[in-house]
Amino acid sequence: MTIWGIGPKFALFSIVYFFCTLCVHFIFYPVFVIESVPYIVLAILGVILSGIGIPIWIVSAKTIMKGFSEGILVTKGIYSICRHPLYGHGIFFTFPGILIFFKSYILLTLPVFMYLLFRILIPMEEKYLEKKFGNAYLDYANSVNMVFPKFWKLFA
C-alpha cells in the first residue's frame, strides 16, 4: 500500500460516476434541475461547504504525508476525531459544495456514491494499517469514527 491508499481507485470510480451523471443531467435537461431553491442560496451553501472541506483536506494531507514519511500512525489533530478525513472532506463537504453549483439533483448523488464506494474500498486500507501498526491501530480504530467526526474529543 502506498501513501495514496485506496485513493486512486476511489478517485477513478468517482470520476467515472461523475461523468456518467453529468451526461444524464445534460441528456435529460432540465429534468434534474433544482428549481425549488434560489440559486443564491445554493451558491452560498456551496461556498460554505467548500470553505469547510478545503481546509480539512489541506490539514489532513499535510498531517498524513508527514506521518507516512516518518512511518508513524497519525492519531493527533484532525485524526483524533476522524480516521479518514481525506475521504470525509470530499464526501461531505468539498464535492457537494462544488456540485451544488450545477443545480442538479442527479449530480448530488455523487457524494452518496462516494460514501458507498468508500465503505466498500476502505477495508483494504484498514487491513494494511492493522497489519503495519497492530494493536495500536485497533485501539485507535475503536476510539475514532471512520468519517463522522467525534468533535467532542477536541474539548476533552
Protein backbone atom coordinates (compact mmCIF):
# COMPACT_ATOMS: atom_id res chain seq x y z
CA MET A 1 0.00 0.00 0.00
CA THR A 2 1.34 3.43 -0.91
CA ILE A 3 0.74 6.80 0.69
CA TRP A 4 -2.27 7.08 -1.62
CA GLY A 5 -4.07 4.11 -0.02
CA ILE A 6 -7.35 3.41 -1.80
CA GLY A 7 -7.31 6.96 -3.19
CA PRO A 8 -6.55 6.13 -6.85
CA LYS A 9 -9.36 3.55 -7.11
CA PHE A 10 -11.70 5.80 -5.15
CA ALA A 11 -10.91 8.75 -7.45
CA LEU A 12 -11.20 6.73 -10.66
CA PHE A 13 -14.62 5.27 -9.85
CA SER A 14 -15.86 8.63 -8.55
CA ILE A 15 -14.75 10.45 -11.72
CA VAL A 16 -16.43 7.86 -13.95
CA TYR A 17 -19.64 8.15 -11.93
CA PHE A 18 -19.46 11.95 -12.08
CA PHE A 19 -19.15 11.99 -15.88
CA CYS A 20 -21.98 9.47 -16.24
CA THR A 21 -24.31 11.55 -14.08
CA LEU A 22 -23.21 14.72 -15.86
CA CYS A 23 -24.17 13.11 -19.18
CA VAL A 24 -27.54 12.05 -17.78
CA HIS A 25 -28.09 15.58 -16.49
CA PHE A 26 -27.45 17.12 -19.91
CA ILE A 27 -29.26 14.43 -21.93
CA PHE A 28 -32.42 14.81 -19.85
CA TYR A 29 -32.05 18.55 -19.23
CA PRO A 30 -33.99 20.17 -17.47
CA VAL A 31 -35.49 17.14 -15.67
CA PHE A 32 -32.90 17.10 -12.86
CA VAL A 33 -32.52 20.85 -12.40
CA ILE A 34 -33.07 22.15 -8.88
CA GLU A 35 -35.61 24.92 -9.31
CA SER A 36 -37.21 24.99 -5.87
CA VAL A 37 -34.26 26.74 -4.21
CA PRO A 38 -32.99 30.15 -5.35
CA TYR A 39 -29.55 29.92 -6.94
CA ILE A 40 -28.07 32.44 -4.49
CA VAL A 41 -28.96 30.09 -1.61
CA LEU A 42 -27.31 27.18 -3.42
CA ALA A 43 -24.25 29.30 -4.19
CA ILE A 44 -23.86 30.39 -0.57
CA LEU A 45 -24.26 26.79 0.60
CA GLY A 46 -21.71 25.65 -1.97
CA VAL A 47 -19.18 28.22 -0.82
CA ILE A 48 -19.73 27.31 2.84
CA LEU A 49 -19.36 23.57 2.22
CA SER A 50 -16.25 24.03 0.08
CA GLY A 51 -14.88 26.52 2.58
CA ILE A 52 -15.12 23.87 5.28
CA GLY A 53 -13.88 20.98 3.12
CA ILE A 54 -10.81 22.51 1.51
CA PRO A 55 -9.05 23.42 4.79
CA ILE A 56 -9.84 19.92 6.12
CA TRP A 57 -8.18 18.49 3.02
CA ILE A 58 -5.09 20.69 3.38
CA VAL A 59 -4.60 19.93 7.08
CA SER A 60 -5.29 16.21 6.59
CA ALA A 61 -2.96 15.86 3.62
CA LYS A 62 -0.07 17.67 5.32
CA THR A 63 -0.53 15.66 8.51
CA ILE A 64 -0.74 12.24 6.85
CA MET A 65 2.17 12.94 4.49
CA LYS A 66 4.38 13.80 7.45
CA GLY A 67 3.23 10.73 9.39
CA PHE A 68 3.71 8.43 6.40
CA SER A 69 7.24 9.71 5.75
CA GLU A 70 8.10 9.16 9.44
CA GLY A 71 6.43 5.72 9.47
CA ILE A 72 4.13 6.59 12.37
CA LEU A 73 0.44 6.08 12.99
CA VAL A 74 -1.14 9.53 12.94
CA THR A 75 -3.70 9.90 15.75
CA LYS A 76 -3.36 13.58 16.67
CA GLY A 77 -5.01 16.73 15.38
CA ILE A 78 -7.80 16.14 12.90
CA TYR A 79 -7.02 12.42 13.03
CA SER A 80 -8.02 12.38 16.70
CA ILE A 81 -11.66 12.99 15.72
CA CYS A 82 -11.87 11.16 12.36
CA ARG A 83 -9.80 8.28 10.93
CA HIS A 84 -10.26 9.22 7.28
CA PRO A 85 -10.68 12.99 6.94
CA LEU A 86 -9.14 12.92 3.46
CA TYR A 87 -12.11 10.94 2.21
CA GLY A 88 -14.63 12.61 4.52
CA HIS A 89 -13.88 16.12 3.30
CA GLY A 90 -14.72 15.18 -0.26
CA ILE A 91 -17.78 13.10 0.53
CA PHE A 92 -19.44 15.55 2.90
CA PHE A 93 -18.09 19.00 2.13
CA THR A 94 -15.91 19.79 -0.88
CA PHE A 95 -17.63 17.81 -3.64
CA PRO A 96 -21.20 18.53 -2.52
CA GLY A 97 -20.15 22.19 -2.28
CA ILE A 98 -18.87 22.18 -5.85
CA LEU A 99 -21.70 20.06 -7.27
CA ILE A 100 -24.40 22.27 -5.83
CA PHE A 101 -23.35 25.00 -8.29
CA PHE A 102 -24.61 22.75 -11.12
CA LYS A 103 -28.16 22.90 -9.67
CA SER A 104 -28.67 19.20 -10.44
CA TYR A 105 -30.33 16.57 -8.29
CA ILE A 106 -28.66 13.75 -10.21
CA LEU A 107 -25.17 15.16 -9.65
CA LEU A 108 -25.85 15.35 -5.93
CA THR A 109 -26.00 11.55 -5.93
CA LEU A 110 -22.19 11.57 -6.35
CA PRO A 111 -21.48 12.04 -2.62
CA VAL A 112 -23.82 9.13 -1.85
CA PHE A 113 -21.99 7.00 -4.42
CA MET A 114 -18.65 8.13 -2.98
CA TYR A 115 -19.68 7.17 0.55
CA LEU A 116 -20.82 3.70 -0.57
CA LEU A 117 -17.62 3.28 -2.58
CA PHE A 118 -15.58 4.38 0.42
CA ARG A 119 -17.30 1.76 2.61
CA ILE A 120 -16.52 -0.93 0.02
CA LEU A 121 -12.87 0.01 -0.54
CA ILE A 122 -11.71 1.20 2.90
CA PRO A 123 -11.37 -2.28 4.46
CA MET A 124 -8.28 -2.82 2.25
CA GLU A 125 -6.62 0.28 3.67
CA GLU A 126 -7.66 -0.53 7.21
CA LYS A 127 -6.28 -4.09 6.95
CA TYR A 128 -2.98 -2.65 5.80
CA LEU A 129 -2.92 -0.24 8.76
CA GLU A 130 -3.81 -3.04 11.17
CA LYS A 131 -1.02 -5.21 9.79
CA LYS A 132 1.50 -2.37 9.97
CA PHE A 133 0.58 -0.91 13.37
CA GLY A 134 -1.13 -3.86 15.10
CA ASN A 135 -2.96 -3.21 18.37
CA ALA A 136 -2.12 0.49 18.25
CA TYR A 137 -4.26 0.80 15.12
CA LEU A 138 -7.02 -1.44 16.51
CA ASP A 139 -7.23 0.70 19.67
CA TYR A 140 -7.28 3.84 17.55
CA ALA A 141 -9.95 2.41 15.22
CA ASN A 142 -12.12 1.52 18.21
CA SER A 143 -11.92 5.05 19.61
CA VAL A 144 -12.34 7.16 16.44
CA ASN A 145 -15.07 7.00 13.79
CA MET A 146 -14.22 6.46 10.13
CA VAL A 147 -15.63 9.65 8.62
CA PHE A 148 -18.15 11.08 11.08
CA PRO A 149 -16.01 13.19 13.44
CA LYS A 150 -16.28 12.98 17.19
CA PHE A 151 -15.97 16.74 17.71
CA TRP A 152 -16.36 16.48 21.47
CA LYS A 153 -12.94 14.81 21.60
CA LEU A 154 -11.41 18.19 20.77
CA PHE A 155 -12.57 19.52 24.11
CA ALA A 156 -11.74 16.50 26.29
